[in-house]
Amino acid sequence: MSAPGITEPTEAITRAKAGDAEAWGQLYHDYAPAIFRFCRRALPTREDAEDATMEVFMKLRGKLNQYDSTRSFTAWLYKVAANHCWDTLRRRKSRQDKETGDLENVPLEHPDPSQLERLIEQRSSEEVRKALAKLGARARMALVMRYYSDMSYDEIADALGVRRAFVGVVLLRARHELRQALEGSSALAAGGAS
C-alpha cells in the first residue's frame, strides 16, 4: 500500500539517512499530508493531529536508519504514526473510557465490512470523523489502522498491545459502533435537527 502516485522514495531516503536536509524536506512534503489525515482520524482534535504529525516526523528522523528498504516506506510510516497516536491516546486514558466495557456484549449481528465501506463513502469526511470520535480510543485506533493504513491483524495487535485473536473482536465491535454512529447522524440530519 503506497501513497497515490508516489513510487518508493529510495533515493530520497538514502540521501536523508546521510543527513541531506533537502531530501528530508522532500520526504516530509510528500508524506506529511497523508500522515496528518491518518492522525486526524485517530485523534480527537485538529491540534492533536497537527502536533502528532510533527512528532511522528521528528521520531522518523531519528529512526530512519532502522528503516528496512525491503519494506514499503508508506507502510512503515503508518506503523510509526499508529504507534505514536496509540501512545498519545493511552497516556491520556480518557476518563470516559468506553473500551473497558466487557466483551460479553459483542453484538452478534455485525455489519459486513463492504457495507460499512459504502456507508463511509456516502458520508463527508467530517461526518466520518465525528462518528469515529464517538468510539473508545482502542476501537477508533483499530479501525483507523485497518481501513486507513491497511495494517495487518498482527501489526494492529502489536501496536495496540493485545493478542491477535482479540483484534477481530475489537474491530467487530468498532465497526458496529461506527455504523450506529453514522446511521444515527443520518437520522438526525433527516429529522432536520440542526
N, C-alpha and C. Protein backbone atom coordinates (compact mmCIF):
# COMPACT_ATOMS: atom_id res chain seq x y z
N MET A 1 0.87 -1.19 0.00
CA MET A 1 0.00 0.00 0.00
C MET A 1 0.89 1.23 0.00
N SER A 2 0.87 1.97 -1.08
CA SER A 2 1.70 3.17 -1.10
C SER A 2 0.84 4.36 -1.41
N ALA A 3 1.33 5.54 -1.08
CA ALA A 3 0.55 6.75 -1.30
C ALA A 3 0.36 6.91 -2.81
N PRO A 4 -0.80 7.42 -3.23
CA PRO A 4 -1.09 7.51 -4.66
C PRO A 4 -0.03 8.30 -5.41
N GLY A 5 0.40 7.73 -6.54
CA GLY A 5 1.32 8.45 -7.40
C GLY A 5 2.73 8.59 -6.87
N ILE A 6 3.02 7.92 -5.77
CA ILE A 6 4.39 8.05 -5.23
C ILE A 6 5.07 6.69 -5.29
N THR A 7 6.17 6.61 -6.03
CA THR A 7 6.92 5.36 -6.01
C THR A 7 7.77 5.39 -4.75
N GLU A 8 8.31 4.25 -4.39
CA GLU A 8 9.11 4.20 -3.16
C GLU A 8 10.25 5.23 -3.26
N PRO A 9 10.38 6.08 -2.23
CA PRO A 9 11.34 7.19 -2.33
C PRO A 9 12.75 6.77 -1.94
N THR A 10 13.24 5.70 -2.61
CA THR A 10 14.52 5.09 -2.21
C THR A 10 15.67 6.09 -2.19
N GLU A 11 15.75 6.87 -3.25
CA GLU A 11 16.88 7.81 -3.37
C GLU A 11 16.81 8.87 -2.26
N ALA A 12 15.61 9.42 -2.05
CA ALA A 12 15.44 10.46 -1.01
C ALA A 12 15.78 9.89 0.37
N ILE A 13 15.39 8.64 0.61
CA ILE A 13 15.67 8.02 1.91
C ILE A 13 17.18 7.87 2.11
N THR A 14 17.84 7.37 1.07
CA THR A 14 19.30 7.19 1.15
C THR A 14 19.97 8.52 1.46
N ARG A 15 19.53 9.59 0.76
CA ARG A 15 20.12 10.91 0.98
C ARG A 15 19.77 11.44 2.37
N ALA A 16 18.52 11.22 2.79
CA ALA A 16 18.11 11.71 4.12
C ALA A 16 18.89 10.99 5.21
N LYS A 17 19.12 9.68 5.02
CA LYS A 17 19.91 8.91 6.01
C LYS A 17 21.31 9.50 6.13
N ALA A 18 21.82 10.01 5.01
CA ALA A 18 23.17 10.57 5.01
C ALA A 18 23.18 12.01 5.54
N GLY A 19 21.99 12.48 5.98
CA GLY A 19 21.94 13.80 6.60
C GLY A 19 21.60 14.94 5.64
N ASP A 20 21.09 14.60 4.45
CA ASP A 20 20.73 15.62 3.48
C ASP A 20 19.38 16.25 3.87
N ALA A 21 19.42 17.51 4.30
CA ALA A 21 18.21 18.19 4.80
C ALA A 21 17.17 18.37 3.69
N GLU A 22 17.64 18.59 2.47
CA GLU A 22 16.72 18.80 1.36
C GLU A 22 15.92 17.52 1.07
N ALA A 23 16.60 16.38 1.13
CA ALA A 23 15.93 15.10 0.89
C ALA A 23 14.90 14.86 2.00
N TRP A 24 15.27 15.21 3.22
CA TRP A 24 14.35 15.05 4.35
C TRP A 24 13.12 15.93 4.13
N GLY A 25 13.35 17.16 3.68
CA GLY A 25 12.25 18.08 3.39
C GLY A 25 11.32 17.53 2.33
N GLN A 26 11.90 16.86 1.33
CA GLN A 26 11.10 16.26 0.25
C GLN A 26 10.22 15.13 0.81
N LEU A 27 10.80 14.30 1.65
CA LEU A 27 10.02 13.20 2.27
C LEU A 27 8.86 13.78 3.08
N TYR A 28 9.16 14.82 3.82
CA TYR A 28 8.12 15.45 4.65
C TYR A 28 7.01 16.00 3.75
N HIS A 29 7.41 16.70 2.70
CA HIS A 29 6.45 17.31 1.78
C HIS A 29 5.55 16.25 1.15
N ASP A 30 6.14 15.11 0.75
CA ASP A 30 5.37 14.06 0.07
C ASP A 30 4.45 13.28 1.00
N TYR A 31 4.89 13.08 2.23
CA TYR A 31 4.16 12.15 3.09
C TYR A 31 3.39 12.79 4.25
N ALA A 32 3.75 14.01 4.64
CA ALA A 32 3.08 14.62 5.79
C ALA A 32 1.56 14.75 5.61
N PRO A 33 1.06 15.12 4.41
CA PRO A 33 -0.40 15.26 4.29
C PRO A 33 -1.15 13.96 4.60
N ALA A 34 -0.63 12.84 4.12
CA ALA A 34 -1.29 11.54 4.36
C ALA A 34 -1.21 11.19 5.85
N ILE A 35 -0.07 11.47 6.48
CA ILE A 35 0.09 11.15 7.90
C ILE A 35 -0.81 12.06 8.73
N PHE A 36 -0.95 13.32 8.30
CA PHE A 36 -1.86 14.22 9.02
C PHE A 36 -3.29 13.69 8.95
N ARG A 37 -3.72 13.26 7.76
CA ARG A 37 -5.10 12.74 7.62
C ARG A 37 -5.29 11.52 8.51
N PHE A 38 -4.26 10.67 8.57
CA PHE A 38 -4.33 9.49 9.43
C PHE A 38 -4.48 9.90 10.90
N CYS A 39 -3.63 10.82 11.35
CA CYS A 39 -3.67 11.28 12.75
C CYS A 39 -4.98 11.99 13.06
N ARG A 40 -5.53 12.70 12.05
CA ARG A 40 -6.77 13.44 12.25
C ARG A 40 -7.93 12.49 12.54
N ARG A 41 -7.89 11.31 11.92
CA ARG A 41 -8.95 10.33 12.17
C ARG A 41 -8.74 9.64 13.50
N ALA A 42 -7.48 9.50 13.90
CA ALA A 42 -7.18 8.74 15.11
C ALA A 42 -7.31 9.56 16.39
N LEU A 43 -7.07 10.86 16.28
CA LEU A 43 -7.00 11.69 17.49
C LEU A 43 -8.19 12.65 17.57
N PRO A 44 -8.52 13.10 18.79
CA PRO A 44 -9.73 13.89 18.99
C PRO A 44 -9.78 15.25 18.29
N THR A 45 -8.68 16.01 18.25
CA THR A 45 -8.79 17.37 17.69
C THR A 45 -7.77 17.61 16.59
N ARG A 46 -8.03 18.65 15.83
CA ARG A 46 -7.11 19.03 14.75
C ARG A 46 -5.73 19.39 15.31
N GLU A 47 -5.73 20.09 16.46
CA GLU A 47 -4.45 20.48 17.08
C GLU A 47 -3.66 19.22 17.45
N ASP A 48 -4.36 18.22 18.01
CA ASP A 48 -3.69 16.96 18.36
C ASP A 48 -3.04 16.36 17.11
N ALA A 49 -3.79 16.39 16.00
CA ALA A 49 -3.28 15.77 14.77
C ALA A 49 -2.08 16.54 14.23
N GLU A 50 -2.14 17.86 14.34
CA GLU A 50 -1.00 18.67 13.86
C GLU A 50 0.24 18.38 14.70
N ASP A 51 0.05 18.36 16.02
CA ASP A 51 1.18 18.05 16.91
C ASP A 51 1.73 16.66 16.61
N ALA A 52 0.81 15.71 16.47
CA ALA A 52 1.23 14.31 16.25
C ALA A 52 2.01 14.18 14.95
N THR A 53 1.56 14.88 13.90
CA THR A 53 2.26 14.79 12.60
C THR A 53 3.70 15.27 12.76
N MET A 54 3.87 16.40 13.44
CA MET A 54 5.22 16.91 13.67
C MET A 54 6.05 15.92 14.48
N GLU A 55 5.43 15.38 15.54
CA GLU A 55 6.15 14.45 16.42
C GLU A 55 6.52 13.16 15.69
N VAL A 56 5.60 12.68 14.84
CA VAL A 56 5.88 11.45 14.08
C VAL A 56 7.10 11.67 13.18
N PHE A 57 7.14 12.83 12.51
CA PHE A 57 8.28 13.08 11.62
C PHE A 57 9.58 13.31 12.38
N MET A 58 9.47 13.91 13.58
CA MET A 58 10.68 14.05 14.39
C MET A 58 11.19 12.66 14.80
N LYS A 59 10.25 11.80 15.16
CA LYS A 59 10.59 10.43 15.54
C LYS A 59 11.23 9.70 14.36
N LEU A 60 10.63 9.89 13.18
CA LEU A 60 11.11 9.21 11.98
C LEU A 60 12.54 9.60 11.66
N ARG A 61 12.81 10.87 11.88
CA ARG A 61 14.15 11.36 11.56
C ARG A 61 15.18 10.58 12.36
N GLY A 62 14.85 10.33 13.63
CA GLY A 62 15.76 9.56 14.47
C GLY A 62 15.78 8.08 14.13
N LYS A 63 14.68 7.59 13.52
CA LYS A 63 14.57 6.15 13.28
C LYS A 63 14.91 5.75 11.85
N LEU A 64 15.20 6.74 11.02
CA LEU A 64 15.37 6.46 9.59
C LEU A 64 16.40 5.37 9.33
N ASN A 65 17.42 5.32 10.17
CA ASN A 65 18.45 4.29 9.96
C ASN A 65 17.94 2.89 10.24
N GLN A 66 16.81 2.79 10.97
CA GLN A 66 16.24 1.47 11.25
C GLN A 66 15.32 1.00 10.13
N TYR A 67 15.03 1.91 9.18
CA TYR A 67 14.10 1.55 8.11
C TYR A 67 14.71 0.48 7.22
N ASP A 68 13.95 -0.58 7.01
CA ASP A 68 14.40 -1.70 6.18
C ASP A 68 13.85 -1.47 4.78
N SER A 69 14.75 -1.18 3.83
CA SER A 69 14.31 -0.75 2.50
C SER A 69 13.62 -1.85 1.70
N THR A 70 13.54 -3.08 2.25
CA THR A 70 12.80 -4.11 1.53
C THR A 70 11.29 -3.95 1.80
N ARG A 71 10.95 -3.16 2.81
CA ARG A 71 9.53 -2.95 3.14
C ARG A 71 9.01 -1.67 2.49
N SER A 72 7.69 -1.57 2.37
CA SER A 72 7.11 -0.35 1.82
C SER A 72 7.35 0.79 2.81
N PHE A 73 7.85 1.91 2.30
CA PHE A 73 8.12 3.05 3.16
C PHE A 73 6.83 3.58 3.76
N THR A 74 5.77 3.63 2.93
CA THR A 74 4.49 4.14 3.42
C THR A 74 3.95 3.29 4.56
N ALA A 75 4.04 1.97 4.39
CA ALA A 75 3.53 1.06 5.43
C ALA A 75 4.30 1.29 6.73
N TRP A 76 5.61 1.47 6.60
CA TRP A 76 6.45 1.70 7.78
C TRP A 76 6.07 3.01 8.46
N LEU A 77 5.84 4.02 7.63
CA LEU A 77 5.47 5.34 8.12
C LEU A 77 4.16 5.27 8.91
N TYR A 78 3.16 4.58 8.34
CA TYR A 78 1.87 4.45 9.01
C TYR A 78 2.02 3.69 10.32
N LYS A 79 2.92 2.73 10.33
CA LYS A 79 3.10 1.95 11.56
C LYS A 79 3.66 2.84 12.67
N VAL A 80 4.64 3.67 12.33
CA VAL A 80 5.20 4.60 13.32
C VAL A 80 4.11 5.57 13.79
N ALA A 81 3.30 6.07 12.83
CA ALA A 81 2.23 7.02 13.17
C ALA A 81 1.18 6.35 14.06
N ALA A 82 0.81 5.11 13.72
CA ALA A 82 -0.20 4.40 14.50
C ALA A 82 0.28 4.18 15.93
N ASN A 83 1.53 3.77 16.07
CA ASN A 83 2.08 3.56 17.41
C ASN A 83 2.11 4.87 18.20
N HIS A 84 2.47 5.94 17.51
CA HIS A 84 2.54 7.24 18.18
C HIS A 84 1.15 7.69 18.65
N CYS A 85 0.16 7.58 17.76
CA CYS A 85 -1.21 8.01 18.12
C CYS A 85 -1.74 7.17 19.28
N TRP A 86 -1.47 5.88 19.21
CA TRP A 86 -1.97 5.00 20.28
C TRP A 86 -1.32 5.34 21.61
N ASP A 87 -0.01 5.62 21.58
CA ASP A 87 0.68 6.03 22.82
C ASP A 87 0.07 7.30 23.38
N THR A 88 -0.21 8.26 22.48
CA THR A 88 -0.81 9.53 22.90
C THR A 88 -2.15 9.28 23.58
N LEU A 89 -2.99 8.46 22.94
CA LEU A 89 -4.32 8.18 23.49
C LEU A 89 -4.22 7.44 24.82
N ARG A 90 -3.27 6.50 24.87
CA ARG A 90 -3.12 5.71 26.10
C ARG A 90 -2.64 6.58 27.25
N ARG A 91 -1.73 7.51 26.94
CA ARG A 91 -1.23 8.39 28.00
C ARG A 91 -2.37 9.21 28.59
N ARG A 92 -3.29 9.61 27.71
CA ARG A 92 -4.42 10.40 28.20
C ARG A 92 -5.43 9.54 28.93
N LYS A 93 -5.56 8.33 28.45
CA LYS A 93 -6.51 7.37 29.03
C LYS A 93 -7.79 8.08 29.44
N SER A 94 -8.51 8.52 28.44
CA SER A 94 -9.67 9.37 28.67
C SER A 94 -10.58 8.87 29.79
N ARG A 95 -11.08 9.82 30.54
CA ARG A 95 -11.95 9.49 31.69
C ARG A 95 -13.13 8.65 31.25
N GLN A 96 -13.75 9.02 30.14
CA GLN A 96 -14.95 8.29 29.72
C GLN A 96 -14.55 7.04 28.94
N ASP A 97 -13.65 6.26 29.53
CA ASP A 97 -13.09 5.12 28.85
C ASP A 97 -14.14 4.08 28.50
N LYS A 98 -14.47 4.00 27.22
CA LYS A 98 -15.51 3.05 26.85
C LYS A 98 -14.96 1.65 26.63
N GLU A 99 -13.64 1.56 26.36
CA GLU A 99 -13.18 0.23 25.97
C GLU A 99 -13.04 -0.74 27.13
N THR A 100 -13.34 -0.30 28.34
CA THR A 100 -13.29 -1.23 29.46
C THR A 100 -14.57 -2.05 29.52
N GLY A 101 -15.55 -1.68 28.69
CA GLY A 101 -16.80 -2.44 28.64
C GLY A 101 -16.48 -3.90 28.41
N ASP A 102 -17.21 -4.78 29.08
CA ASP A 102 -16.85 -6.20 28.96
C ASP A 102 -17.18 -6.70 27.56
N LEU A 103 -16.50 -7.77 27.18
CA LEU A 103 -16.64 -8.29 25.83
C LEU A 103 -17.88 -9.16 25.69
N GLU A 104 -18.63 -9.33 26.77
CA GLU A 104 -19.80 -10.20 26.70
C GLU A 104 -20.83 -9.63 25.74
N ASN A 105 -20.90 -8.29 25.67
CA ASN A 105 -21.98 -7.71 24.88
C ASN A 105 -21.58 -7.42 23.44
N VAL A 106 -20.73 -8.27 22.87
CA VAL A 106 -20.39 -8.09 21.46
C VAL A 106 -21.65 -8.38 20.65
N PRO A 107 -22.02 -7.45 19.79
CA PRO A 107 -23.24 -7.69 19.00
C PRO A 107 -23.04 -8.86 18.07
N LEU A 108 -24.01 -9.74 18.00
CA LEU A 108 -23.86 -10.89 17.12
C LEU A 108 -24.13 -10.49 15.68
N GLU A 109 -25.03 -9.53 15.52
CA GLU A 109 -25.37 -9.07 14.18
C GLU A 109 -24.31 -8.04 13.83
N HIS A 110 -23.34 -8.43 13.01
CA HIS A 110 -22.30 -7.45 12.72
C HIS A 110 -22.30 -7.04 11.26
N PRO A 111 -22.00 -5.78 11.00
CA PRO A 111 -22.03 -5.31 9.62
C PRO A 111 -20.91 -5.93 8.82
N ASP A 112 -21.20 -6.21 7.58
CA ASP A 112 -20.14 -6.74 6.75
C ASP A 112 -19.29 -5.55 6.30
N PRO A 113 -17.96 -5.71 6.26
CA PRO A 113 -17.07 -4.58 6.02
C PRO A 113 -17.44 -3.77 4.78
N SER A 114 -17.86 -4.45 3.69
CA SER A 114 -18.12 -3.70 2.46
C SER A 114 -19.34 -2.80 2.65
N GLN A 115 -20.29 -3.25 3.47
CA GLN A 115 -21.47 -2.45 3.78
C GLN A 115 -21.04 -1.17 4.51
N LEU A 116 -20.12 -1.35 5.45
CA LEU A 116 -19.62 -0.21 6.22
C LEU A 116 -18.85 0.74 5.29
N GLU A 117 -18.05 0.15 4.39
CA GLU A 117 -17.28 0.99 3.47
C GLU A 117 -18.21 1.85 2.61
N ARG A 118 -19.31 1.25 2.16
CA ARG A 118 -20.29 2.02 1.36
C ARG A 118 -20.85 3.18 2.19
N LEU A 119 -21.16 2.86 3.44
CA LEU A 119 -21.71 3.88 4.34
C LEU A 119 -20.71 5.03 4.51
N ILE A 120 -19.43 4.66 4.68
CA ILE A 120 -18.38 5.67 4.86
C ILE A 120 -18.23 6.52 3.59
N GLU A 121 -18.30 5.85 2.41
CA GLU A 121 -18.15 6.58 1.15
C GLU A 121 -19.25 7.61 0.95
N GLN A 122 -20.45 7.30 1.47
CA GLN A 122 -21.58 8.21 1.27
C GLN A 122 -21.50 9.43 2.19
N ARG A 123 -20.62 9.40 3.16
CA ARG A 123 -20.55 10.49 4.14
C ARG A 123 -19.38 11.39 3.87
N SER A 124 -19.49 12.61 4.33
CA SER A 124 -18.36 13.53 4.22
C SER A 124 -17.31 13.07 5.23
N SER A 125 -16.07 13.47 5.00
CA SER A 125 -15.01 13.04 5.93
C SER A 125 -15.28 13.64 7.31
N GLU A 126 -15.97 14.79 7.33
CA GLU A 126 -16.31 15.43 8.61
C GLU A 126 -17.25 14.54 9.42
N GLU A 127 -18.27 13.98 8.73
CA GLU A 127 -19.23 13.10 9.42
C GLU A 127 -18.54 11.84 9.93
N VAL A 128 -17.66 11.28 9.09
CA VAL A 128 -16.96 10.06 9.48
C VAL A 128 -16.08 10.34 10.69
N ARG A 129 -15.41 11.52 10.67
CA ARG A 129 -14.53 11.87 11.78
C ARG A 129 -15.32 12.03 13.07
N LYS A 130 -16.49 12.67 12.97
CA LYS A 130 -17.32 12.84 14.17
C LYS A 130 -17.78 11.49 14.70
N ALA A 131 -18.13 10.59 13.79
CA ALA A 131 -18.57 9.26 14.21
C ALA A 131 -17.41 8.51 14.86
N LEU A 132 -16.22 8.60 14.25
CA LEU A 132 -15.04 7.94 14.83
C LEU A 132 -14.75 8.49 16.23
N ALA A 133 -14.97 9.80 16.39
CA ALA A 133 -14.67 10.45 17.67
C ALA A 133 -15.55 9.92 18.80
N LYS A 134 -16.70 9.32 18.44
CA LYS A 134 -17.60 8.80 19.47
C LYS A 134 -17.13 7.44 20.00
N LEU A 135 -16.23 6.81 19.28
CA LEU A 135 -15.77 5.48 19.70
C LEU A 135 -14.72 5.59 20.80
N GLY A 136 -14.54 4.51 21.53
CA GLY A 136 -13.46 4.45 22.50
C GLY A 136 -12.13 4.50 21.75
N ALA A 137 -11.08 4.88 22.45
CA ALA A 137 -9.78 5.08 21.80
C ALA A 137 -9.29 3.83 21.09
N ARG A 138 -9.43 2.67 21.74
CA ARG A 138 -8.89 1.45 21.13
C ARG A 138 -9.67 1.07 19.87
N ALA A 139 -10.99 1.20 19.95
CA ALA A 139 -11.83 0.86 18.80
C ALA A 139 -11.49 1.78 17.62
N ARG A 140 -11.37 3.08 17.92
CA ARG A 140 -11.08 4.06 16.86
C ARG A 140 -9.72 3.76 16.23
N MET A 141 -8.74 3.51 17.08
CA MET A 141 -7.39 3.25 16.59
C MET A 141 -7.37 2.00 15.71
N ALA A 142 -8.07 0.94 16.14
CA ALA A 142 -8.09 -0.31 15.37
C ALA A 142 -8.69 -0.07 13.99
N LEU A 143 -9.80 0.66 13.94
CA LEU A 143 -10.45 0.94 12.64
C LEU A 143 -9.54 1.77 11.74
N VAL A 144 -8.93 2.79 12.32
CA VAL A 144 -8.07 3.68 11.53
C VAL A 144 -6.87 2.89 10.98
N MET A 145 -6.29 2.02 11.82
CA MET A 145 -5.15 1.23 11.37
C MET A 145 -5.55 0.25 10.26
N ARG A 146 -6.75 -0.34 10.43
CA ARG A 146 -7.18 -1.36 9.48
C ARG A 146 -7.61 -0.75 8.15
N TYR A 147 -8.43 0.29 8.21
CA TYR A 147 -9.03 0.79 6.98
C TYR A 147 -8.29 1.94 6.33
N TYR A 148 -7.51 2.68 7.11
CA TYR A 148 -6.85 3.83 6.52
C TYR A 148 -5.36 3.62 6.32
N SER A 149 -4.80 2.56 6.92
CA SER A 149 -3.38 2.34 6.65
C SER A 149 -3.11 0.89 6.31
N ASP A 150 -4.22 0.10 6.15
CA ASP A 150 -4.06 -1.26 5.64
C ASP A 150 -3.14 -2.14 6.48
N MET A 151 -3.08 -1.90 7.80
CA MET A 151 -2.21 -2.72 8.63
C MET A 151 -2.82 -4.10 8.83
N SER A 152 -1.98 -5.11 8.97
CA SER A 152 -2.46 -6.47 9.17
C SER A 152 -2.92 -6.65 10.62
N TYR A 153 -3.66 -7.73 10.86
CA TYR A 153 -4.11 -8.03 12.23
C TYR A 153 -2.90 -8.14 13.16
N ASP A 154 -1.83 -8.75 12.66
CA ASP A 154 -0.63 -8.92 13.50
C ASP A 154 -0.05 -7.57 13.88
N GLU A 155 0.02 -6.66 12.91
CA GLU A 155 0.59 -5.34 13.18
C GLU A 155 -0.30 -4.55 14.14
N ILE A 156 -1.62 -4.70 13.97
CA ILE A 156 -2.55 -3.98 14.85
C ILE A 156 -2.41 -4.53 16.28
N ALA A 157 -2.33 -5.84 16.40
CA ALA A 157 -2.19 -6.47 17.72
C ALA A 157 -0.92 -5.95 18.39
N ASP A 158 0.14 -5.88 17.59
CA ASP A 158 1.42 -5.41 18.05
C ASP A 158 1.33 -3.96 18.55
N ALA A 159 0.72 -3.11 17.73
CA ALA A 159 0.62 -1.69 18.07
C ALA A 159 -0.26 -1.46 19.29
N LEU A 160 -1.37 -2.20 19.37
CA LEU A 160 -2.31 -1.98 20.48
C LEU A 160 -1.93 -2.77 21.73
N GLY A 161 -0.96 -3.66 21.57
CA GLY A 161 -0.54 -4.47 22.72
C GLY A 161 -1.62 -5.46 23.16
N VAL A 162 -2.33 -6.02 22.17
CA VAL A 162 -3.34 -7.05 22.51
C VAL A 162 -3.02 -8.32 21.74
N ARG A 163 -3.65 -9.42 22.12
CA ARG A 163 -3.44 -10.68 21.39
C ARG A 163 -4.08 -10.56 20.01
N ARG A 164 -3.51 -11.25 19.04
CA ARG A 164 -4.03 -11.17 17.67
C ARG A 164 -5.49 -11.60 17.63
N ALA A 165 -5.82 -12.61 18.41
CA ALA A 165 -7.19 -13.12 18.41
C ALA A 165 -8.19 -12.06 18.85
N PHE A 166 -7.71 -11.10 19.62
CA PHE A 166 -8.58 -10.06 20.18
C PHE A 166 -8.87 -8.96 19.15
N VAL A 167 -7.97 -8.84 18.16
CA VAL A 167 -8.12 -7.76 17.17
C VAL A 167 -9.45 -7.86 16.42
N GLY A 168 -9.81 -9.08 16.03
CA GLY A 168 -11.06 -9.29 15.31
C GLY A 168 -12.25 -8.83 16.12
N VAL A 169 -12.21 -9.13 17.41
CA VAL A 169 -13.32 -8.75 18.30
C VAL A 169 -13.39 -7.23 18.43
N VAL A 170 -12.23 -6.61 18.61
CA VAL A 170 -12.19 -5.15 18.72
C VAL A 170 -12.75 -4.52 17.43
N LEU A 171 -12.32 -5.04 16.28
CA LEU A 171 -12.79 -4.50 15.00
C LEU A 171 -14.28 -4.72 14.81
N LEU A 172 -14.74 -5.89 15.21
CA LEU A 172 -16.15 -6.22 15.09
C LEU A 172 -17.00 -5.21 15.86
N ARG A 173 -16.61 -4.99 17.09
CA ARG A 173 -17.35 -4.03 17.92
C ARG A 173 -17.24 -2.62 17.39
N ALA A 174 -16.03 -2.28 16.95
CA ALA A 174 -15.79 -0.92 16.46
C ALA A 174 -16.62 -0.65 15.21
N ARG A 175 -16.68 -1.64 14.30
CA ARG A 175 -17.48 -1.46 13.08
C ARG A 175 -18.94 -1.28 13.42
N HIS A 176 -19.41 -2.05 14.38
CA HIS A 176 -20.81 -1.97 14.80
C HIS A 176 -21.09 -0.58 15.38
N GLU A 177 -20.20 -0.11 16.26
CA GLU A 177 -20.39 1.20 16.89
C GLU A 177 -20.31 2.33 15.85
N LEU A 178 -19.38 2.17 14.91
CA LEU A 178 -19.23 3.21 13.89
C LEU A 178 -20.48 3.27 13.03
N ARG A 179 -21.00 2.09 12.68
CA ARG A 179 -22.20 2.09 11.84
C ARG A 179 -23.36 2.74 12.58
N GLN A 180 -23.50 2.43 13.86
CA GLN A 180 -24.56 3.05 14.65
C GLN A 180 -24.39 4.57 14.69
N ALA A 181 -23.15 5.00 14.89
CA ALA A 181 -22.88 6.44 14.97
C ALA A 181 -23.20 7.12 13.63
N LEU A 182 -22.82 6.46 12.53
CA LEU A 182 -23.08 7.04 11.21
C LEU A 182 -24.58 7.05 10.90
N GLU A 183 -25.26 5.94 11.23
CA GLU A 183 -26.69 5.89 10.96
C GLU A 183 -27.44 6.86 11.86
N GLY A 184 -26.94 7.01 13.08
CA GLY A 184 -27.53 7.99 14.00
C GLY A 184 -27.42 9.39 13.47
N SER A 185 -26.26 9.71 12.87
CA SER A 185 -26.05 11.07 12.36
C SER A 185 -26.94 11.32 11.15
N SER A 186 -27.20 10.26 10.33
CA SER A 186 -28.05 10.49 9.15
C SER A 186 -29.51 10.62 9.60
N ALA A 187 -29.88 9.91 10.67
CA ALA A 187 -31.26 10.02 11.18
C ALA A 187 -31.49 11.44 11.68
N LEU A 188 -30.49 11.99 12.35
CA LEU A 188 -30.60 13.37 12.84
C LEU A 188 -30.73 14.34 11.68
N ALA A 189 -29.88 14.13 10.67
CA ALA A 189 -29.91 15.03 9.52
C ALA A 189 -31.26 14.94 8.82
N ALA A 190 -31.78 13.71 8.71
CA ALA A 190 -33.06 13.52 8.03
C ALA A 190 -34.18 14.18 8.83
N GLY A 191 -34.01 14.18 10.17
CA GLY A 191 -35.04 14.75 11.02
C GLY A 191 -34.98 16.28 11.05
N GLY A 192 -34.04 16.84 10.28
CA GLY A 192 -33.92 18.28 10.20
C GLY A 192 -33.38 18.92 11.46
N ALA A 193 -32.77 18.10 12.32
CA ALA A 193 -32.17 18.66 13.54
C ALA A 193 -30.96 19.47 13.15
N SER A 194 -30.71 20.56 13.86
CA SER A 194 -29.56 21.39 13.47
C SER A 194 -28.29 20.76 13.98
